[in-house]
Structure formats: C-alpha cells, structure tokens
C-alpha atoms as a PDB file:
ATOM      1  CA  UNK A   1      89.441 102.484 113.897  1.00  0.00           C
ATOM      2  CA  UNK A   2      91.324  99.220 113.466  1.00  0.00           C
ATOM      3  CA  UNK A   3      94.067  98.955 116.095  1.00  0.00           C
ATOM      4  CA  UNK A   4      97.561  98.361 114.696  1.00  0.00           C
ATOM      5  CA  UNK A   5     100.735  97.543 116.604  1.00  0.00           C
ATOM      6  CA  UNK A   6     104.271  97.581 115.190  1.00  0.00           C
ATOM      7  CA  UNK A   7     107.158  95.614 116.648  1.00  0.00           C
ATOM      8  CA  UNK A   8     110.582  94.271 115.734  1.00  0.00           C
ATOM      9  CA  UNK A   9     112.621  97.445 115.711  1.00  0.00           C
ATOM     10  CA  UNK A  10     115.948  97.780 117.449  1.00  0.00           C
ATOM     11  CA  UNK A  11     119.613  98.642 117.117  1.00  0.00           C
ATOM     12  CA  UNK A  12     121.452  96.955 114.259  1.00  0.00           C
ATOM     13  CA  UNK A  13     124.869  97.556 112.640  1.00  0.00           C
ATOM     14  CA  UNK A  14     125.137  98.684 109.008  1.00  0.00           C
ATOM     15  CA  UNK A  15     124.643  95.735 106.690  1.00  0.00           C
ATOM     16  CA  UNK A  16     122.466  93.937 109.193  1.00  0.00           C
ATOM     17  CA  UNK A  17     118.853  92.855 108.936  1.00  0.00           C
ATOM     18  CA  UNK A  18     115.600  93.337 110.815  1.00  0.00           C
ATOM     19  CA  UNK A  19     112.089  92.040 110.304  1.00  0.00           C
ATOM     20  CA  UNK A  20     109.333  94.389 111.391  1.00  0.00           C
ATOM     21  CA  UNK A  21     105.841  93.152 112.191  1.00  0.00           C
ATOM     22  CA  UNK A  22     102.481  94.889 112.256  1.00  0.00           C
ATOM     23  CA  UNK A  23      99.653  93.068 113.972  1.00  0.00           C
ATOM     24  CA  UNK A  24      95.955  93.577 114.550  1.00  0.00           C
ATOM     25  CA  UNK A  25      93.283  91.705 116.460  1.00  0.00           C
ATOM     26  CA  UNK A  26      90.930  92.129 113.499  1.00  0.00           C
ATOM     27  CA  UNK A  27      91.616  90.091 110.354  1.00  0.00           C
ATOM     28  CA  UNK A  28      91.651  92.855 107.753  1.00  0.00           C
ATOM     29  CA  UNK A  29      95.074  92.739 106.080  1.00  0.00           C
ATOM     30  CA  UNK A  30      93.884  90.416 103.293  1.00  0.00           C
ATOM     31  CA  UNK A  31      91.129  92.785 102.170  1.00  0.00           C
ATOM     32  CA  UNK A  32      92.901  96.160 102.351  1.00  0.00           C
ATOM     33  CA  UNK A  33      95.977  97.627 100.765  1.00  0.00           C
ATOM     34  CA  UNK A  34      98.749  98.009 103.343  1.00  0.00           C
ATOM     35  CA  UNK A  35     101.804 100.213 103.615  1.00  0.00           C
ATOM     36  CA  UNK A  36     104.893 100.879 105.685  1.00  0.00           C
ATOM     37  CA  UNK A  37     106.024 104.454 106.341  1.00  0.00           C
ATOM     38  CA  UNK A  38     108.986 105.840 108.219  1.00  0.00           C
ATOM     39  CA  UNK A  39     109.843 109.153 109.821  1.00  0.00           C
ATOM     40  CA  UNK A  40     113.287 110.333 110.849  1.00  0.00           C
ATOM     41  CA  UNK A  41     113.832 113.304 113.186  1.00  0.00           C
ATOM     42  CA  UNK A  42     113.263 116.591 111.378  1.00  0.00           C
ATOM     43  CA  UNK A  43     111.879 114.882 108.288  1.00  0.00           C
ATOM     44  CA  UNK A  44     108.410 114.255 106.895  1.00  0.00           C
ATOM     45  CA  UNK A  45     106.833 110.835 107.071  1.00  0.00           C
ATOM     46  CA  UNK A  46     107.917 108.857 103.996  1.00  0.00           C
ATOM     47  CA  UNK A  47     106.139 106.025 102.201  1.00  0.00           C
ATOM     48  CA  UNK A  48     108.557 103.093 102.159  1.00  0.00           C
ATOM     49  CA  UNK A  49     106.580 100.142 100.799  1.00  0.00           C
ATOM     50  CA  UNK A  50     103.069  99.320  99.649  1.00  0.00           C
ATOM     51  CA  UNK A  51     101.241  96.055  98.983  1.00  0.00           C
ATOM     52  CA  UNK A  52      97.809  95.825  97.383  1.00  0.00           C
ATOM     53  CA  UNK A  53      95.023  93.278  97.777  1.00  0.00           C
ATOM     54  CA  UNK A  54      96.435  91.156  94.965  1.00  0.00           C
ATOM     55  CA  UNK A  55      99.918  91.098  96.445  1.00  0.00           C
ATOM     56  CA  UNK A  56     101.575  93.547  94.070  1.00  0.00           C
ATOM     57  CA  UNK A  57     104.246  95.654  95.755  1.00  0.00           C
ATOM     58  CA  UNK A  58     105.910  99.017  95.309  1.00  0.00           C
ATOM     59  CA  UNK A  59     108.930 100.506  97.069  1.00  0.00           C
ATOM     60  CA  UNK A  60     110.599 103.853  97.383  1.00  0.00           C
ATOM     61  CA  UNK A  61     113.761 103.846  95.257  1.00  0.00           C
ATOM     62  CA  UNK A  62     116.097 104.036  98.238  1.00  0.00           C
ATOM     63  CA  UNK A  63     114.997 100.622  99.575  1.00  0.00           C
ATOM     64  CA  UNK A  64     114.431  98.667  96.356  1.00  0.00           C
ATOM     65  CA  UNK A  65     116.267  95.371  96.414  1.00  0.00           C
ATOM     66  CA  UNK A  66     116.770  95.567 100.175  1.00  0.00           C
ATOM     67  CA  UNK A  67     113.266  95.661 101.710  1.00  0.00           C
ATOM     68  CA  UNK A  68     110.355  93.276 101.196  1.00  0.00           C
ATOM     69  CA  UNK A  69     106.776  93.930 102.312  1.00  0.00           C
ATOM     70  CA  UNK A  70     104.489  90.943 102.784  1.00  0.00           C
ATOM     71  CA  UNK A  71     101.098  90.002 104.182  1.00  0.00           C
ATOM     72  CA  UNK A  72     101.775  86.820 106.120  1.00  0.00           C
ATOM     73  CA  UNK A  73      98.126  86.425 107.103  1.00  0.00           C
ATOM     74  CA  UNK A  74      95.039  88.544 107.730  1.00  0.00           C
ATOM     75  CA  UNK A  75      96.483  89.788 111.036  1.00  0.00           C
ATOM     76  CA  UNK A  76     100.215  90.053 110.272  1.00  0.00           C
ATOM     77  CA  UNK A  77     102.029  92.453 107.964  1.00  0.00           C
ATOM     78  CA  UNK A  78     105.814  92.271 107.745  1.00  0.00           C
ATOM     79  CA  UNK A  79     108.708  94.320 106.427  1.00  0.00           C
ATOM     80  CA  UNK A  80     111.931  92.395 105.908  1.00  0.00           C
ATOM     81  CA  UNK A  81     114.831  94.844 105.864  1.00  0.00           C
ATOM     82  CA  UNK A  82     118.232  93.655 104.630  1.00  0.00           C
ATOM     83  CA  UNK A  83     121.557  95.411 104.116  1.00  0.00           C
ATOM     84  CA  UNK A  84     120.464  98.208 106.410  1.00  0.00           C
ATOM     85  CA  UNK A  85     122.081 101.609 106.125  1.00  0.00           C
ATOM     86  CA  UNK A  86     122.345 104.432 108.678  1.00  0.00           C
ATOM     87  CA  UNK A  87     119.948 106.508 106.575  1.00  0.00           C
ATOM     88  CA  UNK A  88     117.286 103.844 107.192  1.00  0.00           C
ATOM     89  CA  UNK A  89     117.165 104.903 110.834  1.00  0.00           C
ATOM     90  CA  UNK A  90     113.653 106.113 111.648  1.00  0.00           C
ATOM     91  CA  UNK A  91     110.439 105.265 113.404  1.00  0.00           C
ATOM     92  CA  UNK A  92     108.573 102.826 111.168  1.00  0.00           C
ATOM     93  CA  UNK A  93     104.772 102.795 110.994  1.00  0.00           C
ATOM     94  CA  UNK A  94     102.302 100.456 109.333  1.00  0.00           C
ATOM     95  CA  UNK A  95      99.255 101.939 107.661  1.00  0.00           C
ATOM     96  CA  UNK A  96      95.937 100.997 106.106  1.00  0.00           C
ATOM     97  CA  UNK A  97      95.471 103.798 103.557  1.00  0.00           C
ATOM     98  CA  UNK A  98      91.740 103.219 103.024  1.00  0.00           C
ATOM     99  CA  UNK A  99      91.037 103.520 106.746  1.00  0.00           C
ATOM    100  CA  UNK A 100      93.796 106.037 107.541  1.00  0.00           C
ATOM    101  CA  UNK A 101      94.779 103.682 110.367  1.00  0.00           C
ATOM    102  CA  UNK A 102      98.229 103.872 111.978  1.00  0.00           C
ATOM    103  CA  UNK A 103     100.181 102.004 114.607  1.00  0.00           C
ATOM    104  CA  UNK A 104     102.319 103.554 117.328  1.00  0.00           C
ATOM    105  CA  UNK A 105     105.563 102.982 115.442  1.00  0.00           C
ATOM    106  CA  UNK A 106     108.724 101.002 116.143  1.00  0.00           C
ATOM    107  CA  UNK A 107     112.211 102.521 116.298  1.00  0.00           C
ATOM    108  CA  UNK A 108     114.903 101.289 113.925  1.00  0.00           C
ATOM    109  CA  UNK A 109     118.438 102.507 114.558  1.00  0.00           C
ATOM    110  CA  UNK A 110     121.242 101.504 112.199  1.00  0.00           C
ATOM    111  CA  UNK A 111     124.600 102.333 113.732  1.00  0.00           C
ATOM    112  CA  UNK A 112     127.982 100.788 114.411  1.00  0.00           C
END
C-alpha cells in the first residue's frame, strides 16, 4: 500500500485555525481521489471532505464554509480548518478511497 502520514494537529481554542497535512513519498495525489475523515471517541469514522482528480470538492454539512481540502502537489494533501468548534475535536485521517489507504491520524483538540 501507499504510505500516508498526517501531521499538523494540535490544541487550538474555539474560533482558531489549523492546517492539516497528509504526505506520501510516492507522487499519487494528482491521479487519485483523496479524502479526509475524522473519528471522535465513541463515534464512527466520518467523511469530512473529498476532492476528485479534477479538483472538485465535497464537504460534510457541518464543516461547509469552514474547511477547505486541497491537493497542493502530488505528495501533499491539505485540510485548512477555520473557525474551529469543540465538536471538531477528533483524530483526523487522510484516505485514498481507490486504494483503501490510510495514514496514522493526527489529533485535533478544540478547547478553551
């Protein structure tokens, strides 16, 4: 499988911003659809954002207008998260749906 690695998580107050990154040593992000998921304790993993090969994006309703998914290059996928809310707290994972490839996740905690 393609190896993915998430980073950029941390502790941020409500209303703050974070930019998550997903990297790989293999340049595949330009040829596959990509997605960000998140999972909070006691909850199922949730699809947050998706970007296809042509750059079209989709978001779960709860993050629309606040989050932006982008493919910065063939090895870097990003999730810009603005106006963060406590309910955004979760472990965030990047994913290549076609390959069922996952990273290890990065923790995002939104708290004052």
